[in-house]
Protein backbone atom coordinates (compact mmCIF):
# COMPACT_ATOMS: atom_id res chain seq x y z
CA THR A 1 0.00 0.00 0.00
CA LEU A 2 2.91 2.37 0.63
CA MET A 3 4.40 1.63 -2.79
CA ASP A 4 1.02 2.41 -4.40
CA GLN A 5 1.16 5.92 -2.94
CA LEU A 6 4.64 6.66 -4.29
CA PRO A 7 5.46 7.93 -7.80
CA HIS A 8 6.00 5.18 -10.37
CA SER A 9 9.59 6.39 -10.75
CA ASN A 10 10.18 4.94 -7.28
CA LEU A 11 11.15 1.37 -8.07
CA ALA A 12 12.13 0.10 -4.64
CA LEU A 13 12.21 0.68 -0.89
CA GLN A 14 15.42 -0.07 0.97
CA LEU A 15 15.24 -1.03 4.63
CA TYR A 16 18.65 -0.95 6.26
CA ARG A 17 20.04 -3.01 9.15
CA GLN A 18 17.09 -5.32 9.68
CA ASP A 19 17.57 -7.60 12.71
CA PRO A 20 15.45 -10.78 12.40
CA ASP A 21 14.73 -10.77 16.15
CA TYR A 22 13.06 -7.35 15.97
CA SER A 23 12.07 -6.74 12.35
CA VAL A 24 9.03 -7.94 10.40
CA PHE A 25 10.95 -7.83 7.10
CA PRO A 26 10.91 -10.05 5.27
CA ALA A 27 8.23 -12.35 6.65
CA ALA A 28 8.69 -15.98 5.64
CA SER A 29 5.32 -15.99 3.89
CA SER A 30 5.78 -12.60 2.25
CA ALA A 31 4.62 -12.28 -1.34
CA LEU A 32 6.70 -9.13 -1.72
CA ILE A 33 9.44 -9.20 -4.35
CA HIS A 34 12.57 -8.52 -2.36
CA ASP A 35 16.31 -9.08 -2.00
CA VAL A 36 18.19 -9.62 1.26
CA ASP A 37 21.84 -8.56 1.50
CA ASN A 38 23.74 -9.55 4.62
CA HIS A 39 25.33 -6.55 6.33
CA ALA A 40 26.82 -7.95 9.53
CA SER A 41 26.56 -10.60 12.21
CA THR A 42 25.42 -9.57 15.66
CA VAL A 43 25.63 -11.54 18.87
CA SER A 44 23.58 -11.77 22.06
CA VAL A 45 23.82 -13.52 25.42
CA ASP A 46 20.73 -15.27 26.78
CA MET A 47 20.51 -15.01 30.55
CA ASP A 48 18.20 -17.94 31.27
CA VAL A 49 20.85 -19.95 33.17
CA GLU A 50 23.27 -19.31 36.02
CA PHE A 51 26.48 -17.50 35.14
CA GLU A 52 28.61 -20.55 35.93
CA ALA A 53 26.63 -22.65 33.41
CA PHE A 54 26.90 -19.93 30.78
CA TRP A 55 30.64 -19.58 31.29
CA GLU A 56 31.25 -23.33 31.19
CA SER A 57 29.54 -23.40 27.78
CA ARG A 58 32.05 -20.92 26.32
CA SER A 59 35.01 -22.12 24.29
CA GLY A 60 37.98 -23.54 26.14
CA LYS A 61 40.28 -20.94 24.57
CA LEU A 62 38.17 -18.03 25.83
CA ARG A 63 37.88 -19.47 29.35
CA LYS A 64 41.61 -20.16 29.45
CA ASN A 65 42.53 -16.61 28.39
CA ILE A 66 40.19 -14.92 30.87
CA GLY A 67 41.20 -17.35 33.61
CA ARG A 68 44.86 -16.44 33.11
CA ILE A 69 44.11 -12.73 33.50
CA LEU A 70 41.91 -13.31 36.55
CA ARG A 71 44.72 -15.23 38.26
CA ILE A 72 47.09 -12.30 37.70
CA ILE A 73 44.79 -9.61 39.10
CA MET A 74 43.82 -11.82 42.06
CA GLU A 75 47.42 -12.01 43.23
CA PRO A 76 48.20 -10.24 46.55
CA GLY A 77 49.17 -6.62 46.04
CA PHE A 78 47.34 -6.23 42.72
CA ASN A 79 44.67 -3.60 43.36
CA TRP A 80 41.73 -3.54 40.99
CA ARG A 81 38.04 -2.80 41.12
CA PHE A 82 34.97 -3.14 38.94
CA ALA A 83 32.44 -0.31 39.20
CA THR A 84 29.03 0.51 37.75
CA VAL A 85 27.75 4.08 37.42
CA GLU A 86 23.99 4.38 37.10
CA SER A 87 22.86 7.54 38.91
CA PRO A 88 21.90 10.49 36.66
CA ASP A 89 24.08 12.80 38.75
CA ALA A 90 27.22 10.73 38.17
CA ILE A 91 26.77 9.19 34.75
CA GLU A 92 27.75 12.26 32.70
CA ALA A 93 31.12 12.37 34.46
CA ALA A 94 31.52 8.64 33.70
CA VAL A 95 30.88 9.33 30.01
CA ASP A 96 33.50 12.09 30.16
CA ARG A 97 35.98 9.61 31.69
CA TYR A 98 35.13 7.23 28.86
CA GLY A 99 35.93 9.96 26.33
CA ASP A 100 39.19 10.91 28.02
CA LEU A 101 40.23 7.27 27.72
CA GLU A 102 39.07 6.78 24.13
CA VAL A 103 40.93 9.81 22.73
CA GLN A 104 44.19 8.21 23.91
CA GLY A 105 43.71 5.26 21.55
CA TRP A 106 43.43 4.40 17.87
CA LYS A 107 39.87 5.78 17.53
CA GLN A 108 41.20 9.30 17.95
CA ALA A 109 43.39 8.87 14.86
CA GLY A 110 40.38 7.55 12.96
CA GLY A 111 38.24 10.50 13.99
CA THR A 112 35.58 8.36 15.71
CA ALA A 113 36.53 8.90 19.34
CA VAL A 114 33.89 10.09 21.81
CA HIS A 115 34.94 13.12 23.87
CA SER A 116 33.19 15.80 25.88
CA SER A 117 34.47 18.39 23.41
CA ASN A 118 32.84 16.88 20.29
CA ALA A 119 29.31 16.17 19.06
CA GLN A 120 29.58 12.44 19.74
CA GLY A 121 30.54 13.03 23.34
CA LYS A 122 27.65 15.46 23.89
CA PHE A 123 25.24 12.96 22.32
CA TYR A 124 26.33 10.10 24.58
CA ARG A 125 26.32 12.31 27.69
CA GLU A 126 22.71 13.32 27.07
CA THR A 127 21.61 9.84 26.01
CA LEU A 128 23.12 8.07 29.03
CA ARG A 129 21.76 10.72 31.41
CA ARG A 130 18.23 10.43 30.03
CA PHE A 131 18.31 6.65 30.26
CA ALA A 132 19.79 6.85 33.76
CA GLU A 133 16.88 9.05 34.83
CA ARG A 134 14.66 6.05 34.06
CA GLY A 135 17.05 3.60 35.70
CA LYS A 136 18.15 2.23 32.32
CA GLY A 137 21.57 3.77 31.68
CA VAL A 138 24.85 2.38 32.97
CA VAL A 139 28.60 2.82 32.54
CA TYR A 140 30.79 -0.15 33.54
CA GLU A 141 34.35 0.69 34.60
CA LEU A 142 37.47 -1.30 35.41
CA TYR A 143 40.27 0.26 37.45
CA PHE A 144 43.81 -0.84 38.26
CA ASP A 145 44.63 1.14 41.41
CA ASP A 146 43.06 4.52 40.56
CA CYS A 147 43.72 4.23 36.82
CA LEU A 148 40.73 3.64 34.56
CA VAL A 149 41.77 0.86 32.16
CA SER A 150 38.47 0.04 30.47
CA SER A 151 34.98 1.52 30.17
CA GLN A 152 31.72 0.45 28.55
CA LEU A 153 28.53 2.42 27.83
CA ALA A 154 25.17 0.65 27.87
CA ILE A 155 21.43 1.33 27.85
CA ALA A 156 18.48 -0.95 28.56
CA ASN A 157 14.74 -1.46 28.48
CA GLU A 158 12.67 -3.78 30.64
CA ASP A 159 13.89 -6.91 28.84
CA PHE A 160 17.45 -6.49 27.61
CA LEU A 161 20.67 -4.53 27.88
CA ILE A 162 22.43 -3.06 24.84
CA THR A 163 26.16 -2.38 24.93
CA LEU A 164 26.91 0.75 22.90
CA LYS A 165 30.63 1.38 23.02
CA THR A 166 33.72 -0.01 24.76
CA THR A 167 37.19 1.47 25.10
CA TYR A 168 40.35 0.56 26.97
CA ASN A 169 43.78 1.88 27.90
CA GLU A 170 46.16 0.47 25.29
CA ASN A 171 49.04 0.65 27.77
CA PHE A 172 47.44 -2.32 29.55
CA SER A 173 46.79 -4.45 26.45
CA GLU A 174 48.58 -7.43 28.01
CA PHE A 175 45.63 -7.71 30.42
CA SER A 176 43.01 -7.62 27.63
CA PRO A 177 41.09 -5.00 29.67
CA GLY A 178 38.17 -4.80 27.24
CA LYS A 179 37.55 -8.55 27.40
CA LEU A 180 38.09 -8.59 31.15
CA LEU A 181 35.47 -5.86 31.53
CA ASP A 182 33.05 -7.89 29.37
CA TYR A 183 33.54 -10.85 31.71
CA LEU A 184 32.95 -8.75 34.84
CA MET A 185 29.93 -7.00 33.29
CA LEU A 186 28.33 -10.32 32.33
CA GLN A 187 29.07 -11.85 35.72
CA SER A 188 27.49 -8.85 37.45
CA GLU A 189 24.36 -8.79 35.29
CA PHE A 190 23.82 -12.55 35.55
CA GLN A 191 23.94 -12.21 39.34
CA LEU A 192 21.57 -9.23 39.36
CA GLY A 193 19.13 -11.07 37.08
CA ARG A 194 17.44 -7.93 35.81
CA TYR A 195 17.55 -8.68 32.08
CA GLU A 196 16.60 -11.59 29.85
CA ARG A 197 19.54 -11.05 27.49
CA ILE A 198 22.38 -8.76 26.55
CA GLU A 199 22.68 -7.47 22.99
CA PHE A 200 26.15 -6.51 21.77
CA CYS A 201 24.68 -4.80 18.67
CA THR A 202 27.85 -4.74 16.61
CA ASN A 203 29.49 -6.34 13.61
CA ALA A 204 30.74 -9.30 15.60
CA GLY A 205 34.03 -10.92 14.66
CA PRO A 206 35.15 -14.41 15.68
CA GLU A 207 36.49 -13.16 19.04
CA LEU A 208 33.17 -11.64 20.10
CA ILE A 209 31.10 -14.51 18.70
CA ARG A 210 32.79 -16.77 21.27
CA TRP A 211 31.03 -14.79 24.00
CA GLY A 212 27.52 -15.09 22.61
CA SER A 213 24.71 -17.56 23.13
CA ARG A 214 23.38 -16.76 19.67
CA THR A 215 24.64 -15.17 16.48
CA ARG A 216 22.33 -13.89 13.75
CA PRO A 217 22.65 -11.89 10.52
CA VAL A 218 21.68 -8.24 10.23
CA SER A 219 20.58 -7.53 6.67
CA ASP A 220 19.64 -4.78 4.25
CA VAL A 221 16.28 -5.58 2.62
CA THR A 222 15.19 -4.13 -0.73
CA ILE A 223 11.49 -4.38 -1.62
CA TYR A 224 10.73 -3.89 -5.32
CA ARG A 225 7.68 -2.49 -7.05
CA ASN A 226 7.63 -5.44 -9.45
CA GLY A 227 9.79 -8.12 -11.02
CA LEU A 228 11.08 -5.77 -13.74
CA SER A 229 12.44 -3.26 -11.22
CA GLN A 230 14.18 -6.13 -9.41
CA ARG A 231 15.87 -7.28 -12.63
CA VAL A 232 16.95 -3.73 -13.51
CA SER A 233 18.41 -3.26 -10.02
CA ARG A 234 20.34 -6.52 -10.16
CA LEU A 235 21.72 -5.65 -13.59
CA TYR A 236 22.84 -2.24 -12.30
CA ARG A 237 24.60 -3.77 -9.30
CA ASN A 238 26.34 -6.35 -11.47
CA LEU A 239 27.58 -3.61 -13.78
CA LYS A 240 28.91 -1.63 -10.80
CA ARG A 241 30.94 -4.65 -9.73
CA LEU A 242 32.60 -4.75 -13.15
CA LYS A 243 33.70 -1.12 -12.91
CA PRO A 244 37.53 -0.85 -12.45
């Protein structure tokens, strides 16, 4: 019905980043003429078991690597702490600490770093504060002594938590601080039992897929006006691939 209201020069509708867990496109029984192009793989963690059972189901390589780091930080004299920041009054400062850490790493060179001085930083400060006012915004932090070594921004609804961004201090890479923070965050949330699952909402590589209970494709869906417009579109895309 939407296509009928559009000019006939409009041959297709493109729906980007469709997640099969939350999107109705394309329905299995759909009579719509459409193409599905895989964009990425995302990963989630189902929280319907105890943390120990979840962790035992992870790959031996992942458990071995995290276990090695845990043994190091548990040694006498090694001071570390895991913290969560959830109050609206404190969460903006936590986002600023996140930005101060991220601009020290490779994302600053790529121009994608969050910082209080740029638009991205201001966006995340406001977003996390607004979610925190509803009890649904959180920043996870990992400290060695008083040094912030890793930070993660997340928001939630009643059912699930979404991790937005993670950064770490590259001077402590030998401790895999980002992965260690993931472990501590998952352990904490499993124990709290306030969500059904955690969504990582990213283009998951093999390393991250090892953490997940489920992996699924995120796709771009193109719905065509008719079979002719689909054939024209495919021909155009094939010609583009031939271009030097």
